[in-house]
Protein backbone atom coordinates (compact mmCIF):
# COMPACT_ATOMS: atom_id res chain seq x y z
CA UNK A 1 41.69 15.63 -0.49
CA UNK A 2 42.47 12.08 -1.66
CA UNK A 3 42.87 11.27 -5.35
CA UNK A 4 40.01 8.75 -5.04
CA UNK A 5 37.53 11.39 -3.87
CA UNK A 6 38.75 13.81 -6.55
CA UNK A 7 38.25 11.15 -9.23
CA UNK A 8 34.71 10.40 -7.99
CA UNK A 9 33.76 14.08 -8.06
CA UNK A 10 35.21 14.57 -11.53
CA UNK A 11 33.33 11.53 -12.85
CA UNK A 12 30.08 12.87 -11.41
CA UNK A 13 30.45 16.47 -12.53
CA UNK A 14 28.06 15.94 -15.45
CA UNK A 15 25.42 14.00 -13.44
CA UNK A 16 22.22 15.88 -12.65
CA UNK A 17 22.05 16.32 -8.89
CA UNK A 18 19.04 16.91 -6.63
CA UNK A 19 18.64 17.40 -2.94
CA UNK A 20 15.92 14.75 -2.98
CA UNK A 21 14.85 11.94 -5.31
CA UNK A 22 11.31 10.68 -4.69
CA UNK A 23 10.72 7.22 -6.14
CA UNK A 24 7.14 6.62 -7.24
CA UNK A 25 4.24 8.85 -8.29
CA UNK A 26 1.43 6.98 -6.58
CA UNK A 27 -0.70 8.33 -3.76
CA UNK A 28 2.36 8.55 -1.45
CA UNK A 29 4.79 9.92 -4.04
CA UNK A 30 2.52 12.74 -5.17
CA UNK A 31 1.77 13.64 -1.55
CA UNK A 32 5.48 13.58 -0.68
CA UNK A 33 6.24 15.88 -3.61
CA UNK A 34 3.63 18.32 -2.27
CA UNK A 35 5.21 18.24 1.20
CA UNK A 36 8.68 18.67 -0.27
CA UNK A 37 7.57 21.67 -2.30
CA UNK A 38 5.65 23.38 0.48
CA UNK A 39 7.74 22.50 3.54
CA UNK A 40 11.25 22.47 2.03
CA UNK A 41 10.92 25.17 -0.63
CA UNK A 42 14.64 25.75 -0.99
CA UNK A 43 15.38 22.13 -1.88
CA UNK A 44 15.54 20.64 -5.37
CA UNK A 45 13.75 17.38 -6.05
CA UNK A 46 12.58 15.04 -8.79
CA UNK A 47 9.96 12.27 -8.82
CA UNK A 48 10.83 9.11 -10.78
CA UNK A 49 7.91 6.97 -11.95
CA UNK A 50 8.23 3.76 -13.98
CA UNK A 51 4.69 3.92 -15.36
CA UNK A 52 3.64 6.32 -18.09
CA UNK A 53 1.41 8.24 -15.70
CA UNK A 54 0.77 8.90 -12.02
CA UNK A 55 -1.47 6.84 -9.77
CA UNK A 56 0.51 3.81 -8.63
CA UNK A 57 -2.03 1.18 -7.58
CA UNK A 58 -4.81 3.11 -9.29
CA UNK A 59 -2.87 3.18 -12.54
CA UNK A 60 -1.94 -0.52 -12.34
CA UNK A 61 -5.38 -1.89 -11.47
CA UNK A 62 -7.98 -1.49 -14.22
CA UNK A 63 -10.35 -4.36 -13.49
CA UNK A 64 -14.14 -3.83 -13.47
CA UNK A 65 -15.43 -2.00 -10.42
CA UNK A 66 -11.98 -1.19 -9.00
CA UNK A 67 -12.43 0.97 -5.92
CA UNK A 68 -10.79 1.97 -2.66
CA UNK A 69 -11.04 -0.18 0.44
CA UNK A 70 -10.43 2.86 2.66
CA UNK A 71 -12.63 5.93 2.97
CA UNK A 72 -11.35 8.84 0.87
CA UNK A 73 -11.83 11.33 3.70
CA UNK A 74 -8.76 9.73 5.34
CA UNK A 75 -7.18 8.06 2.29
CA UNK A 76 -7.27 11.40 0.53
CA UNK A 77 -4.65 13.99 1.40
CA UNK A 78 -5.21 16.08 4.50
CA UNK A 79 -4.42 19.20 2.44
CA UNK A 80 -6.93 18.49 -0.35
CA UNK A 81 -10.61 18.16 0.60
CA UNK A 82 -12.42 15.10 -0.73
CA UNK A 83 -15.92 15.93 -2.00
CA UNK A 84 -17.21 12.56 -3.17
CA UNK A 85 -18.54 9.39 -1.58
CA UNK A 86 -16.36 7.74 1.08
CA UNK A 87 -15.52 4.73 -1.10
CA UNK A 88 -14.34 5.92 -4.50
CA UNK A 89 -13.72 4.25 -7.83
CA UNK A 90 -10.24 3.99 -9.33
CA UNK A 91 -10.99 6.65 -11.98
CA UNK A 92 -12.32 9.02 -9.31
CA UNK A 93 -9.11 8.65 -7.30
CA UNK A 94 -6.98 9.26 -10.40
CA UNK A 95 -8.97 12.39 -11.16
CA UNK A 96 -8.48 13.60 -7.57
CA UNK A 97 -4.72 13.07 -7.87
CA UNK A 98 -4.68 14.85 -11.25
CA UNK A 99 -6.24 17.92 -9.63
CA UNK A 100 -3.64 17.87 -6.82
CA UNK A 101 -0.82 17.67 -9.38
CA UNK A 102 -2.27 20.46 -11.52
CA UNK A 103 -3.12 22.81 -8.64
CA UNK A 104 0.40 22.54 -7.24
CA UNK A 105 2.31 22.42 -10.54
CA UNK A 106 3.89 19.11 -9.53
CA UNK A 107 3.98 17.62 -13.02
CA UNK A 108 7.16 19.57 -13.83
CA UNK A 109 8.96 17.53 -11.17
CA UNK A 110 7.80 14.08 -12.38
CA UNK A 111 9.71 11.96 -14.90
CA UNK A 112 7.39 9.25 -16.20
CA UNK A 113 8.55 6.04 -17.83
CA UNK A 114 11.68 6.12 -15.69
CA UNK A 115 12.49 2.95 -13.76
CA UNK A 116 15.08 2.96 -10.99
CA UNK A 117 17.55 0.11 -11.53
CA UNK A 118 20.05 0.68 -8.74
CA UNK A 119 21.00 3.13 -6.02
CA UNK A 120 24.52 3.35 -4.61
CA UNK A 121 25.52 5.38 -1.56
CA UNK A 122 28.98 6.91 -1.36
CA UNK A 123 30.18 7.97 2.08
CA UNK A 124 32.99 9.93 0.48
CA UNK A 125 30.48 12.03 -1.45
CA UNK A 126 27.55 11.85 1.01
CA UNK A 127 25.15 11.16 -1.84
CA UNK A 128 23.18 8.51 -3.65
CA UNK A 129 23.94 7.72 -7.27
CA UNK A 130 20.83 6.39 -8.97
CA UNK A 131 20.83 4.53 -12.26
CA UNK A 132 17.56 4.74 -14.19
CA UNK A 133 16.19 3.18 -17.33
CA UNK A 134 13.81 4.70 -19.85
CA UNK A 135 11.07 2.07 -20.02
CA UNK A 136 10.27 2.77 -23.68
CA UNK A 137 13.78 3.04 -25.14
CA UNK A 138 15.92 1.16 -22.62
CA UNK A 139 18.32 4.11 -22.43
CA UNK A 140 20.16 4.46 -19.12
CA UNK A 141 20.60 7.73 -17.21
CA UNK A 142 22.41 8.46 -13.96
CA UNK A 143 21.22 10.93 -11.35
CA UNK A 144 22.45 11.75 -7.89
CA UNK A 145 20.79 12.99 -4.73
CA UNK A 146 21.54 13.77 -1.14
CA UNK A 147 18.45 11.91 0.04
CA UNK A 148 16.06 9.18 -1.20
CA UNK A 149 12.33 9.23 -0.41
CA UNK A 150 11.00 5.79 -1.35
CA UNK A 151 7.30 5.93 -2.27
CA UNK A 152 7.10 3.01 -4.68
CA UNK A 153 4.63 1.08 -2.54
CA UNK A 154 5.01 -2.40 -1.17
CA UNK A 155 4.10 -4.87 -3.92
CA UNK A 156 5.45 -5.85 -7.33
CA UNK A 157 3.47 -3.86 -9.91
CA UNK A 158 4.85 -5.90 -12.80
CA UNK A 159 4.31 -9.50 -11.70
CA UNK A 160 1.27 -10.56 -9.63
CA UNK A 161 1.21 -13.49 -7.25
CA UNK A 162 -0.37 -16.55 -8.86
CA UNK A 163 -0.14 -19.95 -7.12
CA UNK A 164 0.56 -23.06 -9.17
CA UNK A 165 -2.28 -25.53 -9.59
CA UNK A 166 -2.24 -28.88 -11.40
CA UNK A 167 -3.96 -28.97 -14.78
CA UNK A 168 -4.10 -25.27 -15.65
CA UNK A 169 -2.68 -26.15 -19.06
CA UNK A 170 -5.75 -28.32 -19.68
CA UNK A 171 -8.26 -25.54 -19.00
CA UNK A 172 -9.92 -24.44 -22.26
CA UNK A 173 -11.12 -21.12 -20.88
CA UNK A 174 -9.20 -18.01 -19.94
CA UNK A 175 -7.24 -17.43 -16.71
CA UNK A 176 -6.92 -13.77 -15.69
CA UNK A 177 -5.29 -11.93 -12.80
CA UNK A 178 -6.88 -8.59 -11.79
CA UNK A 179 -3.49 -6.87 -11.70
CA UNK A 180 -3.02 -7.54 -15.43
CA UNK A 181 -6.66 -7.29 -16.49
CA UNK A 182 -7.06 -7.56 -20.30
CA UNK A 183 -9.22 -4.71 -21.53
CA UNK A 184 -10.62 -6.90 -24.33
CA UNK A 185 -12.01 -9.54 -21.96
CA UNK A 186 -15.63 -10.33 -22.84
CA UNK A 187 -17.33 -11.86 -19.80
CA UNK A 188 -20.97 -11.35 -20.82
CA UNK A 189 -22.93 -14.56 -20.42
CA UNK A 190 -19.90 -16.43 -19.10
CA UNK A 191 -19.51 -18.65 -16.06
CA UNK A 192 -16.82 -17.10 -13.89
CA UNK A 193 -14.90 -18.45 -10.90
CA UNK A 194 -13.02 -15.88 -8.81
CA UNK A 195 -10.30 -17.50 -6.68
CA UNK A 196 -9.74 -15.49 -3.52
CA UNK A 197 -11.74 -13.82 -0.78
CA UNK A 198 -10.22 -10.39 -0.25
CA UNK A 199 -11.25 -6.88 -1.20
CA UNK A 200 -10.44 -7.46 -4.89
CA UNK A 201 -12.79 -10.45 -5.11
CA UNK A 202 -15.56 -8.62 -3.26
CA UNK A 203 -15.16 -5.69 -5.65
CA UNK A 204 -15.04 -7.74 -8.85
CA UNK A 205 -17.99 -10.01 -8.16
CA UNK A 206 -20.77 -7.39 -8.06
CA UNK A 207 -19.19 -5.62 -11.04
CA UNK A 208 -19.19 -8.83 -13.10
CA UNK A 209 -22.50 -10.28 -11.88
CA UNK A 210 -24.65 -7.92 -13.92
CA UNK A 211 -23.41 -9.32 -17.25
CA UNK A 212 -21.97 -12.75 -16.45
CA UNK A 213 -24.09 -15.89 -16.44
CA UNK A 214 -22.93 -16.56 -12.87
CA UNK A 215 -19.97 -15.72 -10.64
CA UNK A 216 -18.58 -18.03 -7.94
CA UNK A 217 -16.12 -16.90 -5.29
CA UNK A 218 -13.89 -19.85 -4.41
CA UNK A 219 -12.06 -19.47 -1.10
CA UNK A 220 -9.96 -21.73 1.08
CA UNK A 221 -11.14 -19.99 4.24
CA UNK A 222 -13.51 -17.13 5.12
CA UNK A 223 -12.65 -13.45 5.49
CA UNK A 224 -14.34 -10.74 7.56
CA UNK A 225 -16.68 -8.52 5.55
CA UNK A 226 -18.88 -5.69 6.72
CA UNK A 227 -21.48 -3.83 4.64
CA UNK A 228 -22.44 -0.21 4.98
CA UNK A 229 -23.82 2.77 3.11
CA UNK A 230 -21.39 4.51 0.83
CA UNK A 231 -22.28 7.83 2.40
CA UNK A 232 -20.99 9.87 5.31
CA UNK A 233 -23.91 11.59 7.00
CA UNK A 234 -21.74 14.16 8.78
CA UNK A 235 -20.07 15.16 5.52
CA UNK A 236 -23.41 15.49 3.77
CA UNK A 237 -24.85 17.60 6.59
CA UNK A 238 -21.85 19.97 6.60
CA UNK A 239 -22.09 20.35 2.82
CA UNK A 240 -25.79 21.15 3.08
CA UNK A 241 -24.89 23.85 5.62
CA UNK A 242 -22.41 25.25 3.07
CA UNK A 243 -19.49 24.85 5.48
CA UNK A 244 -16.09 25.60 3.95
CA UNK A 245 -14.84 22.41 2.19
CA UNK A 246 -11.51 22.54 4.03
CA UNK A 247 -13.33 22.66 7.38
CA UNK A 248 -15.68 19.89 6.30
CA UNK A 249 -12.73 17.74 5.25
CA UNK A 250 -10.93 18.19 8.57
CA UNK A 251 -14.04 17.68 10.72
CA UNK A 252 -15.04 14.51 8.87
CA UNK A 253 -11.49 13.14 8.99
CA UNK A 254 -11.34 13.66 12.75
CA UNK A 255 -14.75 12.08 13.21
CA UNK A 256 -13.83 8.99 11.19
CA UNK A 257 -10.51 8.61 12.96
CA UNK A 258 -12.14 8.98 16.37
CA UNK A 259 -14.67 6.28 15.50
CA UNK A 260 -11.87 4.04 14.20
CA UNK A 261 -9.88 4.52 17.39
CA UNK A 262 -12.89 3.52 19.49
CA UNK A 263 -13.43 0.44 17.33
CA UNK A 264 -9.76 -0.51 17.67
CA UNK A 265 -10.02 -0.19 21.46
CA UNK A 266 -13.18 -2.33 21.49
CA UNK A 267 -11.47 -4.95 19.37
CA UNK A 268 -8.60 -5.13 21.83
CA UNK A 269 -10.88 -5.20 24.87
CA UNK A 270 -13.51 -7.65 23.60
CA UNK A 271 -12.69 -9.27 20.23
CA UNK A 272 -15.41 -11.88 20.67
CA UNK A 273 -18.09 -9.21 20.96
CA UNK A 274 -16.82 -7.40 17.87
CA UNK A 275 -16.72 -10.69 16.00
CA UNK A 276 -20.36 -11.42 16.88
CA UNK A 277 -21.41 -7.95 15.81
CA UNK A 278 -19.72 -8.37 12.42
CA UNK A 279 -21.21 -11.82 11.86
CA UNK A 280 -24.63 -10.76 13.15
CA UNK A 281 -25.03 -8.20 10.38
CA UNK A 282 -24.24 -10.82 7.73
CA UNK A 283 -26.61 -13.36 9.29
CA UNK A 284 -29.39 -10.86 8.80
CA UNK A 285 -28.52 -10.62 5.10
CA UNK A 286 -27.60 -14.19 4.17
CA UNK A 287 -28.88 -16.46 6.92
CA UNK A 288 -27.22 -18.41 9.73
CA UNK A 289 -26.14 -21.44 7.72
CA UNK A 290 -24.57 -19.52 4.82
CA UNK A 291 -22.63 -17.24 7.16
CA UNK A 292 -21.46 -20.12 9.34
CA UNK A 293 -20.03 -21.92 6.32
CA UNK A 294 -18.65 -19.10 4.21
CA UNK A 295 -18.28 -15.93 6.28
CA UNK A 296 -17.03 -17.06 9.71
CA UNK A 297 -13.23 -16.71 9.86
CA UNK A 298 -11.13 -18.81 12.23
CA UNK A 299 -9.05 -15.81 13.32
CA UNK A 300 -9.88 -12.80 15.46
CA UNK A 301 -11.10 -9.57 13.83
CA UNK A 302 -8.35 -7.34 12.45
CA UNK A 303 -5.61 -10.00 12.31
CA UNK A 304 -6.25 -9.36 8.67
CA UNK A 305 -7.92 -6.34 7.17
CA UNK A 306 -11.73 -6.23 7.37
CA UNK A 307 -13.25 -5.74 3.94
CA UNK A 308 -15.88 -3.00 3.75
CA UNK A 309 -18.61 -3.62 1.16
CA UNK A 310 -20.21 -0.32 0.08
CA UNK A 311 -23.99 -0.54 -0.08
CA UNK A 312 -23.67 -4.30 0.42
CA UNK A 313 -23.41 -4.87 -3.35
CA UNK A 314 -21.47 -8.13 -2.96
CA UNK A 315 -24.19 -9.58 -0.73
CA UNK A 316 -26.95 -8.30 -2.99
CA UNK A 317 -25.40 -10.28 -5.87
CA UNK A 318 -25.46 -13.41 -3.70
CA UNK A 319 -29.08 -12.84 -2.63
CA UNK A 320 -30.09 -12.37 -6.28
CA UNK A 321 -28.45 -15.72 -7.13
CA UNK A 322 -26.10 -13.99 -9.54
CA UNK A 323 -23.15 -14.98 -7.34
CA UNK A 324 -22.26 -17.64 -4.80
CA UNK A 325 -19.48 -18.56 -2.40
CA UNK A 326 -17.77 -21.96 -2.23
CA UNK A 327 -15.36 -22.74 0.61
CA UNK A 328 -13.07 -25.55 -0.49
CA UNK A 329 -9.60 -26.26 -1.86
CA UNK A 330 -8.52 -26.74 -5.45
CA UNK A 331 -7.47 -30.24 -6.43
CA UNK A 332 -6.85 -29.57 -10.11
CA UNK A 333 -8.11 -27.71 -13.15
CA UNK A 334 -10.10 -29.57 -15.79
CA UNK A 335 -10.85 -28.63 -19.38
CA UNK A 336 -14.12 -27.03 -18.31
CA UNK A 337 -13.53 -25.80 -14.77
CA UNK A 338 -12.01 -26.57 -11.39
CA UNK A 339 -12.17 -29.87 -9.50
CA UNK A 340 -12.21 -29.39 -5.74
CA UNK A 341 -10.84 -31.63 -3.03
CA UNK A 342 -14.39 -32.31 -1.85
CA UNK A 343 -15.14 -33.89 -5.24
CA UNK A 344 -17.27 -31.00 -6.47
CA UNK A 345 -16.47 -29.52 -9.88
CA UNK A 346 -17.04 -25.83 -10.57
CA UNK A 347 -17.76 -25.19 -14.26
CA UNK A 348 -16.04 -22.10 -15.64
CA UNK A 349 -15.44 -20.25 -18.86
CA UNK A 350 -13.19 -17.71 -17.12
CA UNK A 351 -11.12 -18.10 -13.96
CA UNK A 352 -9.97 -14.93 -12.20
CA UNK A 353 -7.07 -15.40 -9.79
CA UNK A 354 -7.69 -12.70 -7.17
CA UNK A 355 -4.86 -14.27 -5.20
CA UNK A 356 -3.02 -11.12 -4.24
CA UNK A 357 0.44 -9.91 -5.00
CA UNK A 358 4.09 -10.36 -4.10
CA UNK A 359 5.81 -8.02 -1.68
CA UNK A 360 8.52 -5.85 -3.22
CA UNK A 361 10.99 -4.64 -0.59
CA UNK A 362 11.78 -1.06 -1.62
CA UNK A 363 10.89 -1.72 -5.22
CA UNK A 364 13.33 -4.64 -5.67
CA UNK A 365 15.97 -2.03 -6.48
CA UNK A 366 19.63 -3.04 -6.19
CA UNK A 367 20.97 -0.98 -3.27
CA UNK A 368 24.58 -0.73 -2.17
CA UNK A 369 26.52 1.25 0.40
CA UNK A 370 30.16 2.01 -0.35
CA UNK A 371 30.20 -0.74 -2.98
CA UNK A 372 28.73 -3.36 -0.63
CA UNK A 373 25.31 -4.86 -1.49
CA UNK A 374 22.61 -3.82 0.96
CA UNK A 375 20.37 -6.51 2.49
CA UNK A 376 17.47 -4.83 4.25
CA UNK A 377 16.77 -8.01 6.21
CA UNK A 378 20.00 -7.33 8.10
CA UNK A 379 18.86 -3.87 9.22
CA UNK A 380 16.56 -2.74 12.03
CA UNK A 381 13.80 -0.34 11.19
CA UNK A 382 13.43 3.06 12.83
CA UNK A 383 9.66 3.58 13.18
CA UNK A 384 9.02 1.66 9.97
CA UNK A 385 10.50 4.41 7.79
CA UNK A 386 14.32 4.43 8.19
CA UNK A 387 16.89 1.66 8.65
CA UNK A 388 20.03 1.19 10.73
CA UNK A 389 23.17 1.52 8.68
CA UNK A 390 21.32 3.09 5.75
CA UNK A 391 22.03 6.82 5.39
CA UNK A 392 19.70 9.48 4.03
CA UNK A 393 16.76 7.29 3.11
CA UNK A 394 13.12 7.06 4.15
CA UNK A 395 10.46 4.55 3.06
CA UNK A 396 6.74 5.29 3.12
CA UNK A 397 5.05 2.11 4.29
CA UNK A 398 1.52 2.88 5.39
CA UNK A 399 -0.99 1.35 7.76
CA UNK A 400 -2.76 -1.99 7.42
CA UNK A 401 -5.70 -0.96 9.60
CA UNK A 402 -5.98 2.69 8.65
CA UNK A 403 -5.58 4.64 5.42
CA UNK A 404 -2.15 4.45 3.81
CA UNK A 405 -2.04 8.19 3.21
CA UNK A 406 -2.30 9.02 6.91
CA UNK A 407 1.24 7.76 7.40
CA UNK A 408 2.47 9.32 4.17
CA UNK A 409 1.36 12.69 5.55
CA UNK A 410 3.12 12.09 8.91
CA UNK A 411 6.36 11.22 7.13
CA UNK A 412 5.74 14.18 4.82
CA UNK A 413 5.99 16.45 7.85
CA UNK A 414 8.93 14.62 9.40
CA UNK A 415 11.34 14.63 6.45
CA UNK A 416 11.36 18.41 5.77
CA UNK A 417 11.89 18.95 9.51
CA UNK A 418 14.80 16.49 9.42
CA UNK A 419 16.34 18.19 6.37
CA UNK A 420 16.13 21.58 8.05
CA UNK A 421 17.74 20.15 11.19
CA UNK A 422 20.59 18.69 9.13
CA UNK A 423 21.19 22.08 7.51
CA UNK A 424 21.28 23.75 10.91
CA UNK A 425 23.86 21.21 12.11
CA UNK A 426 25.87 21.41 8.90
CA UNK A 427 25.35 17.67 8.42
CA UNK A 428 25.14 15.94 5.06
CA UNK A 429 24.42 12.47 6.40
CA UNK A 430 22.01 10.98 8.92
CA UNK A 431 21.21 7.39 9.75
CA UNK A 432 19.45 5.68 12.62
CA UNK A 433 21.55 3.60 15.00
CA UNK A 434 20.81 1.52 18.06
CA UNK A 435 21.69 3.36 21.25
CA UNK A 436 24.44 1.95 23.46
CA UNK A 437 21.99 0.18 25.79
CA UNK A 438 20.10 -1.34 22.84
CA UNK A 439 22.96 -3.16 21.12
CA UNK A 440 21.81 -6.56 22.41
CA UNK A 441 18.07 -5.96 22.37
CA UNK A 442 15.96 -8.87 21.05
CA UNK A 443 14.94 -8.53 17.41
CA UNK A 444 11.78 -9.78 15.77
CA UNK A 445 10.05 -9.69 12.40
CA UNK A 446 8.86 -6.49 10.71
CA UNK A 447 5.29 -7.19 11.87
CA UNK A 448 4.24 -9.64 14.57
CA UNK A 449 2.43 -12.45 12.67
CA UNK A 450 0.31 -13.10 15.75
CA UNK A 451 -1.10 -9.59 15.37
CA UNK A 452 -1.36 -9.22 11.58
CA UNK A 453 -0.71 -11.97 9.06
CA UNK A 454 -1.88 -11.44 5.46
CA UNK A 455 -0.38 -13.98 3.07
CA UNK A 456 1.64 -11.48 1.01
CA UNK A 457 3.45 -10.41 4.18
CA UNK A 458 4.05 -13.82 5.72
CA UNK A 459 5.44 -15.13 2.42
CA UNK A 460 8.12 -12.44 2.34
CA UNK A 461 8.73 -11.54 5.99
CA UNK A 462 12.27 -12.93 5.77
CA UNK A 463 13.14 -10.18 3.28
CA UNK A 464 11.98 -7.32 5.49
CA UNK A 465 13.96 -5.31 8.08
CA UNK A 466 13.90 -6.49 11.69
CA UNK A 467 12.09 -4.77 14.54
CA UNK A 468 12.83 -4.20 18.21
CA UNK A 469 10.72 -4.15 21.38
CA UNK A 470 10.21 -0.37 21.66
CA UNK A 471 8.17 1.99 19.46
CA UNK A 472 11.29 3.60 17.96
CA UNK A 473 12.34 0.29 16.44
CA UNK A 474 8.98 -0.93 15.18
CA UNK A 475 6.33 -0.09 12.64
CA UNK A 476 3.64 0.12 15.29
CA UNK A 477 0.73 0.24 12.81
CA UNK A 478 -0.90 2.61 15.27
CA UNK A 479 -1.82 5.92 13.65
CA UNK A 480 -3.47 7.21 16.80
CA UNK A 481 -0.18 6.84 18.66
CA UNK A 482 2.08 8.04 15.85
CA UNK A 483 0.11 11.19 15.03
CA UNK A 484 1.12 12.51 18.45
CA UNK A 485 4.61 10.98 18.58
CA UNK A 486 5.95 11.92 15.14
CA UNK A 487 5.82 15.72 15.65
CA UNK A 488 7.65 15.27 18.95
CA UNK A 489 10.50 13.09 17.67
CA UNK A 490 13.72 14.47 19.17
CA UNK A 491 16.06 14.88 16.21
CA UNK A 492 19.03 15.12 18.56
CA UNK A 493 18.25 11.76 20.13
CA UNK A 494 21.26 9.38 20.02
CA UNK A 495 19.13 7.19 17.73
CA UNK A 496 20.13 9.64 14.96
CA UNK A 497 23.78 9.73 13.95
CA UNK A 498 24.84 12.78 11.92
CA UNK A 499 28.05 13.49 10.06
């Protein structure tokens, strides 16, 4: 044994070591901890969470009316029946997660207020050394692990995305971003302008409209919205029949996913027909002219996520004249509002910038391999969860067009199977690698912008791993394909290199 390796081992003798470090205690991190505990019971693991509690997105976002934009029958864990309405509020989701943590005694594995600063891989030791910081005290601690399971999400939880507009310093009112919502904000009787047209804006507006003097949604271009009842008839019928909750959960999940698959196929086969169906519903609520001006996107359905509006509350606020939509561009802020490029001025006491967030590639953590900085943009992804040249790491990056947790569960099955396979082979290291015939294959961006192009992704695509032409080297975004493929992944395929 070399003196260098001996010195490294001696220096690390007092470092707490785990088989697995899970980064993040949001919806994916808590689910991954469950899978680790139940499917790899002989392995040690710890969950590191920068916030002072679990929840991730649902802990960060505290704005009025915050709710899911996916149904909880599929956004919820497959192993924990959801018993509420399909679209749930933030507090309801946090309560659901709290029950999962309590029922499975997961809290003992979670270290809150612990931010990961850096992670360094040593080939000599076949392990990751992770430097953490106590958020409250600033104290640094070092841990090590054989494997990293990255569940920190995909956006920067600390700093939201806010564009720069001329004149904001002249505005006498208050400018607020939903991600950092001030709990003391008094909006009763105030004129509010919400900049943005995504799910956050559509959630905020009906929540604010009841107390505000008026709420205006200001958008540069329209987004697809679709209203519907916040109720699943099949789930309600099965509950009335007193069917076992676990059975109800599974049946409803399969039904929703089957319907989603059919809709996806229809969208591919006839996007114009789907577009007309979506717009036709809104025309019946708001009229031809209003929909043509404010709710008719220039892109095909599903190039960006379609926003579901439970019980049509957003549209009801518009019909009641408590809210309105303006499609225009900002020229500059004034002391009393926003001047638009059309010449119109929107008066405002409060401006809410529902402008989205910035992508955070693997939590903006400083990664290195054998003392060399790691640039993920120089890697190729294996099925959107592992990366060429990066050993013993997996990233949970969910679906854009289906519930995030569906993919977290698939990866939650895959990783324990991979760990068991490594033990059987006597391997301490695994990394994906291009096969011999793929060395010169053409590489493209993480996600094809012609197929899906939300702003937060296009702004940061250059930071993301590359993709290849085949399913192994892409994040296909296709749950209905991956649910069948993931369990059949050949762990002895040359795409996996063990040592």
